[in-house]
Amino acid sequence: MDIDFTKEKWTNPISKDKVESIQKRAKLWTELREKYPNDEEIKNLSMEDMSNNDFWFEKYGEKLK
């Protein structure tokens, strides 16, 4: 996320939908790590992987349902 601190404005605006998607994925990532603390795949899954890769989000979104 790029912010121009001299003007206190976003230089790369992010849509509300994108922000909500990132928040949803962050919540899922946290829930997975709490629910499956010994799962090696989840332990090695970074927040960035979960946020930027739909494969991981879809795979683990189903796991929590």
PDB file of N, CA and C in Angstrom:
ATOM      1  N   MET A   1       0.849  -1.157   0.000  1.00  0.00           N
ATOM      2  CA  MET A   1       0.000   0.000   0.000  1.00  0.00           C
ATOM      3  C   MET A   1       0.904   1.231   0.000  1.00  0.00           C
ATOM      4  N   ASP A   2       0.744   2.076  -0.952  1.00  0.00           N
ATOM      5  CA  ASP A   2       1.578   3.267  -1.063  1.00  0.00           C
ATOM      6  C   ASP A   2       0.851   4.474  -0.504  1.00  0.00           C
ATOM      7  N   ILE A   3       1.495   5.157   0.411  1.00  0.00           N
ATOM      8  CA  ILE A   3       0.931   6.376   0.990  1.00  0.00           C
ATOM      9  C   ILE A   3       1.950   7.491   0.828  1.00  0.00           C
ATOM     10  N   ASP A   4       1.494   8.623   0.370  1.00  0.00           N
ATOM     11  CA  ASP A   4       2.351   9.799   0.271  1.00  0.00           C
ATOM     12  C   ASP A   4       2.167  10.587   1.562  1.00  0.00           C
ATOM     13  N   PHE A   5       3.127  10.479   2.470  1.00  0.00           N
ATOM     14  CA  PHE A   5       2.993  11.113   3.778  1.00  0.00           C
ATOM     15  C   PHE A   5       3.087  12.631   3.722  1.00  0.00           C
ATOM     16  N   THR A   6       3.669  13.162   2.661  1.00  0.00           N
ATOM     17  CA  THR A   6       3.803  14.616   2.576  1.00  0.00           C
ATOM     18  C   THR A   6       2.468  15.288   2.310  1.00  0.00           C
ATOM     19  N   LYS A   7       1.582  14.587   1.636  1.00  0.00           N
ATOM     20  CA  LYS A   7       0.271  15.159   1.303  1.00  0.00           C
ATOM     21  C   LYS A   7      -0.856  14.517   2.107  1.00  0.00           C
ATOM     22  N   GLU A   8      -0.508  13.489   2.884  1.00  0.00           N
ATOM     23  CA  GLU A   8      -1.476  12.749   3.687  1.00  0.00           C
ATOM     24  C   GLU A   8      -2.641  12.226   2.855  1.00  0.00           C
ATOM     25  N   LYS A   9      -2.327  11.739   1.669  1.00  0.00           N
ATOM     26  CA  LYS A   9      -3.340  11.158   0.789  1.00  0.00           C
ATOM     27  C   LYS A   9      -2.831   9.820   0.275  1.00  0.00           C
ATOM     28  N   TRP A  10      -3.771   8.961  -0.050  1.00  0.00           N
ATOM     29  CA  TRP A  10      -3.420   7.690  -0.671  1.00  0.00           C
ATOM     30  C   TRP A  10      -2.938   7.958  -2.090  1.00  0.00           C
ATOM     31  N   THR A  11      -1.820   7.351  -2.462  1.00  0.00           N
ATOM     32  CA  THR A  11      -1.359   7.489  -3.841  1.00  0.00           C
ATOM     33  C   THR A  11      -1.849   6.331  -4.695  1.00  0.00           C
ATOM     34  N   ASN A  12      -2.295   5.289  -4.041  1.00  0.00           N
ATOM     35  CA  ASN A  12      -2.802   4.121  -4.747  1.00  0.00           C
ATOM     36  C   ASN A  12      -4.108   3.712  -4.066  1.00  0.00           C
ATOM     37  N   PRO A  13      -5.216   4.334  -4.448  1.00  0.00           N
ATOM     38  CA  PRO A  13      -6.479   4.073  -3.748  1.00  0.00           C
ATOM     39  C   PRO A  13      -6.899   2.598  -3.818  1.00  0.00           C
ATOM     40  N   ILE A  14      -7.435   2.138  -2.730  1.00  0.00           N
ATOM     41  CA  ILE A  14      -7.942   0.773  -2.643  1.00  0.00           C
ATOM     42  C   ILE A  14      -9.450   0.867  -2.475  1.00  0.00           C
ATOM     43  N   SER A  15     -10.155   0.059  -3.233  1.00  0.00           N
ATOM     44  CA  SER A  15     -11.613   0.096  -3.157  1.00  0.00           C
ATOM     45  C   SER A  15     -12.090  -0.481  -1.824  1.00  0.00           C
ATOM     46  N   LYS A  16     -13.279  -0.105  -1.447  1.00  0.00           N
ATOM     47  CA  LYS A  16     -13.882  -0.611  -0.214  1.00  0.00           C
ATOM     48  C   LYS A  16     -14.023  -2.131  -0.291  1.00  0.00           C
ATOM     49  N   ASP A  17     -14.380  -2.647  -1.462  1.00  0.00           N
ATOM     50  CA  ASP A  17     -14.519  -4.093  -1.634  1.00  0.00           C
ATOM     51  C   ASP A  17     -13.199  -4.816  -1.385  1.00  0.00           C
ATOM     52  N   LYS A  18     -12.107  -4.233  -1.873  1.00  0.00           N
ATOM     53  CA  LYS A  18     -10.783  -4.836  -1.683  1.00  0.00           C
ATOM     54  C   LYS A  18     -10.418  -4.849  -0.200  1.00  0.00           C
ATOM     55  N   VAL A  19     -10.688  -3.762   0.489  1.00  0.00           N
ATOM     56  CA  VAL A  19     -10.399  -3.687   1.926  1.00  0.00           C
ATOM     57  C   VAL A  19     -11.222  -4.728   2.678  1.00  0.00           C
ATOM     58  N   GLU A  20     -12.498  -4.852   2.350  1.00  0.00           N
ATOM     59  CA  GLU A  20     -13.360  -5.838   3.008  1.00  0.00           C
ATOM     60  C   GLU A  20     -12.876  -7.255   2.730  1.00  0.00           C
ATOM     61  N   SER A  21     -12.420  -7.515   1.514  1.00  0.00           N
ATOM     62  CA  SER A  21     -11.892  -8.828   1.161  1.00  0.00           C
ATOM     63  C   SER A  21     -10.647  -9.146   1.985  1.00  0.00           C
ATOM     64  N   ILE A  22      -9.756  -8.182   2.115  1.00  0.00           N
ATOM     65  CA  ILE A  22      -8.538  -8.381   2.906  1.00  0.00           C
ATOM     66  C   ILE A  22      -8.888  -8.638   4.368  1.00  0.00           C
ATOM     67  N   GLN A  23      -9.855  -7.905   4.900  1.00  0.00           N
ATOM     68  CA  GLN A  23     -10.272  -8.099   6.291  1.00  0.00           C
ATOM     69  C   GLN A  23     -10.863  -9.489   6.492  1.00  0.00           C
ATOM     70  N   LYS A  24     -11.668  -9.935   5.544  1.00  0.00           N
ATOM     71  CA  LYS A  24     -12.288 -11.260   5.630  1.00  0.00           C
ATOM     72  C   LYS A  24     -11.218 -12.352   5.607  1.00  0.00           C
ATOM     73  N   ARG A  25     -10.238 -12.194   4.736  1.00  0.00           N
ATOM     74  CA  ARG A  25      -9.163 -13.176   4.630  1.00  0.00           C
ATOM     75  C   ARG A  25      -8.295 -13.176   5.887  1.00  0.00           C
ATOM     76  N   ALA A  26      -8.053 -11.998   6.453  1.00  0.00           N
ATOM     77  CA  ALA A  26      -7.260 -11.911   7.682  1.00  0.00           C
ATOM     78  C   ALA A  26      -7.975 -12.626   8.827  1.00  0.00           C
ATOM     79  N   LYS A  27      -9.276 -12.449   8.896  1.00  0.00           N
ATOM     80  CA  LYS A  27     -10.063 -13.112   9.941  1.00  0.00           C
ATOM     81  C   LYS A  27     -10.010 -14.628   9.761  1.00  0.00           C
ATOM     82  N   LEU A  28     -10.147 -15.092   8.527  1.00  0.00           N
ATOM     83  CA  LEU A  28     -10.081 -16.524   8.252  1.00  0.00           C
ATOM     84  C   LEU A  28      -8.707 -17.069   8.630  1.00  0.00           C
ATOM     85  N   TRP A  29      -7.649 -16.353   8.265  1.00  0.00           N
ATOM     86  CA  TRP A  29      -6.279 -16.771   8.579  1.00  0.00           C
ATOM     87  C   TRP A  29      -6.120 -16.937  10.087  1.00  0.00           C
ATOM     88  N   THR A  30      -6.642 -15.981  10.855  1.00  0.00           N
ATOM     89  CA  THR A  30      -6.551 -16.034  12.315  1.00  0.00           C
ATOM     90  C   THR A  30      -7.343 -17.215  12.867  1.00  0.00           C
ATOM     91  N   GLU A  31      -8.549 -17.407  12.364  1.00  0.00           N
ATOM     92  CA  GLU A  31      -9.390 -18.512  12.833  1.00  0.00           C
ATOM     93  C   GLU A  31      -8.743 -19.860  12.538  1.00  0.00           C
ATOM     94  N   LEU A  32      -8.159 -19.999  11.360  1.00  0.00           N
ATOM     95  CA  LEU A  32      -7.501 -21.254  11.002  1.00  0.00           C
ATOM     96  C   LEU A  32      -6.325 -21.552  11.925  1.00  0.00           C
ATOM     97  N   ARG A  33      -5.526 -20.549  12.205  1.00  0.00           N
ATOM     98  CA  ARG A  33      -4.352 -20.741  13.061  1.00  0.00           C
ATOM     99  C   ARG A  33      -4.772 -21.089  14.497  1.00  0.00           C
ATOM    100  N   GLU A  34      -5.901 -20.563  14.944  1.00  0.00           N
ATOM    101  CA  GLU A  34      -6.396 -20.886  16.284  1.00  0.00           C
ATOM    102  C   GLU A  34      -7.025 -22.277  16.323  1.00  0.00           C
ATOM    103  N   LYS A  35      -7.772 -22.622  15.290  1.00  0.00           N
ATOM    104  CA  LYS A  35      -8.503 -23.891  15.272  1.00  0.00           C
ATOM    105  C   LYS A  35      -7.600 -25.087  14.960  1.00  0.00           C
ATOM    106  N   TYR A  36      -6.578 -24.869  14.143  1.00  0.00           N
ATOM    107  CA  TYR A  36      -5.679 -25.952  13.736  1.00  0.00           C
ATOM    108  C   TYR A  36      -4.226 -25.569  14.034  1.00  0.00           C
ATOM    109  N   PRO A  37      -3.859 -25.450  15.311  1.00  0.00           N
ATOM    110  CA  PRO A  37      -2.517 -24.964  15.658  1.00  0.00           C
ATOM    111  C   PRO A  37      -1.382 -25.903  15.251  1.00  0.00           C
ATOM    112  N   ASN A  38      -1.661 -27.174  15.050  1.00  0.00           N
ATOM    113  CA  ASN A  38      -0.605 -28.130  14.710  1.00  0.00           C
ATOM    114  C   ASN A  38      -0.561 -28.493  13.234  1.00  0.00           C
ATOM    115  N   ASP A  39      -1.406 -27.893  12.439  1.00  0.00           N
ATOM    116  CA  ASP A  39      -1.431 -28.167  10.997  1.00  0.00           C
ATOM    117  C   ASP A  39      -0.239 -27.468  10.337  1.00  0.00           C
ATOM    118  N   GLU A  40       0.690 -28.255   9.802  1.00  0.00           N
ATOM    119  CA  GLU A  40       1.919 -27.697   9.221  1.00  0.00           C
ATOM    120  C   GLU A  40       1.633 -26.781   8.035  1.00  0.00           C
ATOM    121  N   GLU A  41       0.674 -27.148   7.202  1.00  0.00           N
ATOM    122  CA  GLU A  41       0.365 -26.318   6.039  1.00  0.00           C
ATOM    123  C   GLU A  41      -0.149 -24.942   6.473  1.00  0.00           C
ATOM    124  N   ILE A  42      -0.994 -24.924   7.475  1.00  0.00           N
ATOM    125  CA  ILE A  42      -1.535 -23.656   7.969  1.00  0.00           C
ATOM    126  C   ILE A  42      -0.450 -22.858   8.693  1.00  0.00           C
ATOM    127  N   LYS A  43       0.414 -23.546   9.447  1.00  0.00           N
ATOM    128  CA  LYS A  43       1.510 -22.850  10.127  1.00  0.00           C
ATOM    129  C   LYS A  43       2.397 -22.114   9.132  1.00  0.00           C
ATOM    130  N   ASN A  44       2.589 -22.709   7.967  1.00  0.00           N
ATOM    131  CA  ASN A  44       3.476 -22.132   6.956  1.00  0.00           C
ATOM    132  C   ASN A  44       2.765 -21.179   6.005  1.00  0.00           C
ATOM    133  N   LEU A  45       1.479 -21.036   6.157  1.00  0.00           N
ATOM    134  CA  LEU A  45       0.704 -20.142   5.298  1.00  0.00           C
ATOM    135  C   LEU A  45       0.792 -18.723   5.847  1.00  0.00           C
ATOM    136  N   SER A  46       1.359 -17.842   5.064  1.00  0.00           N
ATOM    137  CA  SER A  46       1.509 -16.460   5.533  1.00  0.00           C
ATOM    138  C   SER A  46       0.226 -15.680   5.289  1.00  0.00           C
ATOM    139  N   MET A  47       0.098 -14.576   5.992  1.00  0.00           N
ATOM    140  CA  MET A  47      -1.043 -13.684   5.783  1.00  0.00           C
ATOM    141  C   MET A  47      -1.039 -13.183   4.343  1.00  0.00           C
ATOM    142  N   GLU A  48       0.143 -12.942   3.806  1.00  0.00           N
ATOM    143  CA  GLU A  48       0.244 -12.457   2.428  1.00  0.00           C
ATOM    144  C   GLU A  48      -0.261 -13.512   1.446  1.00  0.00           C
ATOM    145  N   ASP A  49       0.100 -14.788   1.674  1.00  0.00           N
ATOM    146  CA  ASP A  49      -0.406 -15.863   0.813  1.00  0.00           C
ATOM    147  C   ASP A  49      -1.924 -15.904   0.846  1.00  0.00           C
ATOM    148  N   MET A  50      -2.482 -15.803   2.037  1.00  0.00           N
ATOM    149  CA  MET A  50      -3.932 -15.866   2.190  1.00  0.00           C
ATOM    150  C   MET A  50      -4.605 -14.668   1.534  1.00  0.00           C
ATOM    151  N   SER A  51      -3.972 -13.517   1.617  1.00  0.00           N
ATOM    152  CA  SER A  51      -4.564 -12.289   1.079  1.00  0.00           C
ATOM    153  C   SER A  51      -4.463 -12.181  -0.429  1.00  0.00           C
ATOM    154  N   ASN A  52      -3.386 -12.717  -0.988  1.00  0.00           N
ATOM    155  CA  ASN A  52      -3.117 -12.500  -2.409  1.00  0.00           C
ATOM    156  C   ASN A  52      -3.410 -13.693  -3.300  1.00  0.00           C
ATOM    157  N   ASN A  53      -3.731 -14.823  -2.723  1.00  0.00           N
ATOM    158  CA  ASN A  53      -3.889 -16.025  -3.520  1.00  0.00           C
ATOM    159  C   ASN A  53      -5.271 -16.628  -3.267  1.00  0.00           C
ATOM    160  N   ASP A  54      -6.130 -16.563  -4.255  1.00  0.00           N
ATOM    161  CA  ASP A  54      -7.500 -17.071  -4.100  1.00  0.00           C
ATOM    162  C   ASP A  54      -7.544 -18.566  -3.820  1.00  0.00           C
ATOM    163  N   PHE A  55      -6.556 -19.319  -4.303  1.00  0.00           N
ATOM    164  CA  PHE A  55      -6.522 -20.762  -4.071  1.00  0.00           C
ATOM    165  C   PHE A  55      -6.575 -21.066  -2.576  1.00  0.00           C
ATOM    166  N   TRP A  56      -5.707 -20.412  -1.802  1.00  0.00           N
ATOM    167  CA  TRP A  56      -5.662 -20.666  -0.362  1.00  0.00           C
ATOM    168  C   TRP A  56      -6.944 -20.228   0.320  1.00  0.00           C
ATOM    169  N   PHE A  57      -7.460 -19.088  -0.064  1.00  0.00           N
ATOM    170  CA  PHE A  57      -8.677 -18.578   0.559  1.00  0.00           C
ATOM    171  C   PHE A  57      -9.838 -19.538   0.315  1.00  0.00           C
ATOM    172  N   GLU A  58      -9.999 -19.994  -0.923  1.00  0.00           N
ATOM    173  CA  GLU A  58     -11.096 -20.909  -1.248  1.00  0.00           C
ATOM    174  C   GLU A  58     -10.916 -22.254  -0.549  1.00  0.00           C
ATOM    175  N   LYS A  59      -9.695 -22.760  -0.533  1.00  0.00           N
ATOM    176  CA  LYS A  59      -9.428 -24.059   0.095  1.00  0.00           C
ATOM    177  C   LYS A  59      -9.763 -24.032   1.582  1.00  0.00           C
ATOM    178  N   TYR A  60      -9.277 -23.026   2.294  1.00  0.00           N
ATOM    179  CA  TYR A  60      -9.478 -22.985   3.732  1.00  0.00           C
ATOM    180  C   TYR A  60     -10.803 -22.369   4.129  1.00  0.00           C
ATOM    181  N   GLY A  61     -11.403 -21.589   3.254  1.00  0.00           N
ATOM    182  CA  GLY A  61     -12.739 -21.070   3.527  1.00  0.00           C
ATOM    183  C   GLY A  61     -13.725 -22.220   3.647  1.00  0.00           C
ATOM    184  N   GLU A  62     -13.544 -23.218   2.801  1.00  0.00           N
ATOM    185  CA  GLU A  62     -14.395 -24.404   2.850  1.00  0.00           C
ATOM    186  C   GLU A  62     -14.125 -25.218   4.117  1.00  0.00           C
ATOM    187  N   LYS A  63     -12.888 -25.252   4.559  1.00  0.00           N
ATOM    188  CA  LYS A  63     -12.511 -26.055   5.722  1.00  0.00           C
ATOM    189  C   LYS A  63     -13.208 -25.575   6.996  1.00  0.00           C
ATOM    190  N   LEU A  64     -13.476 -24.284   7.087  1.00  0.00           N
ATOM    191  CA  LEU A  64     -14.102 -23.745   8.298  1.00  0.00           C
ATOM    192  C   LEU A  64     -15.620 -23.791   8.286  1.00  0.00           C
ATOM    193  N   LYS A  65     -16.222 -24.056   7.151  1.00  0.00           N
ATOM    194  CA  LYS A  65     -17.693 -24.050   7.077  1.00  0.00           C
ATOM    195  C   LYS A  65     -18.292 -25.234   7.791  1.00  0.00           C
TER     196      LYS A  65
END
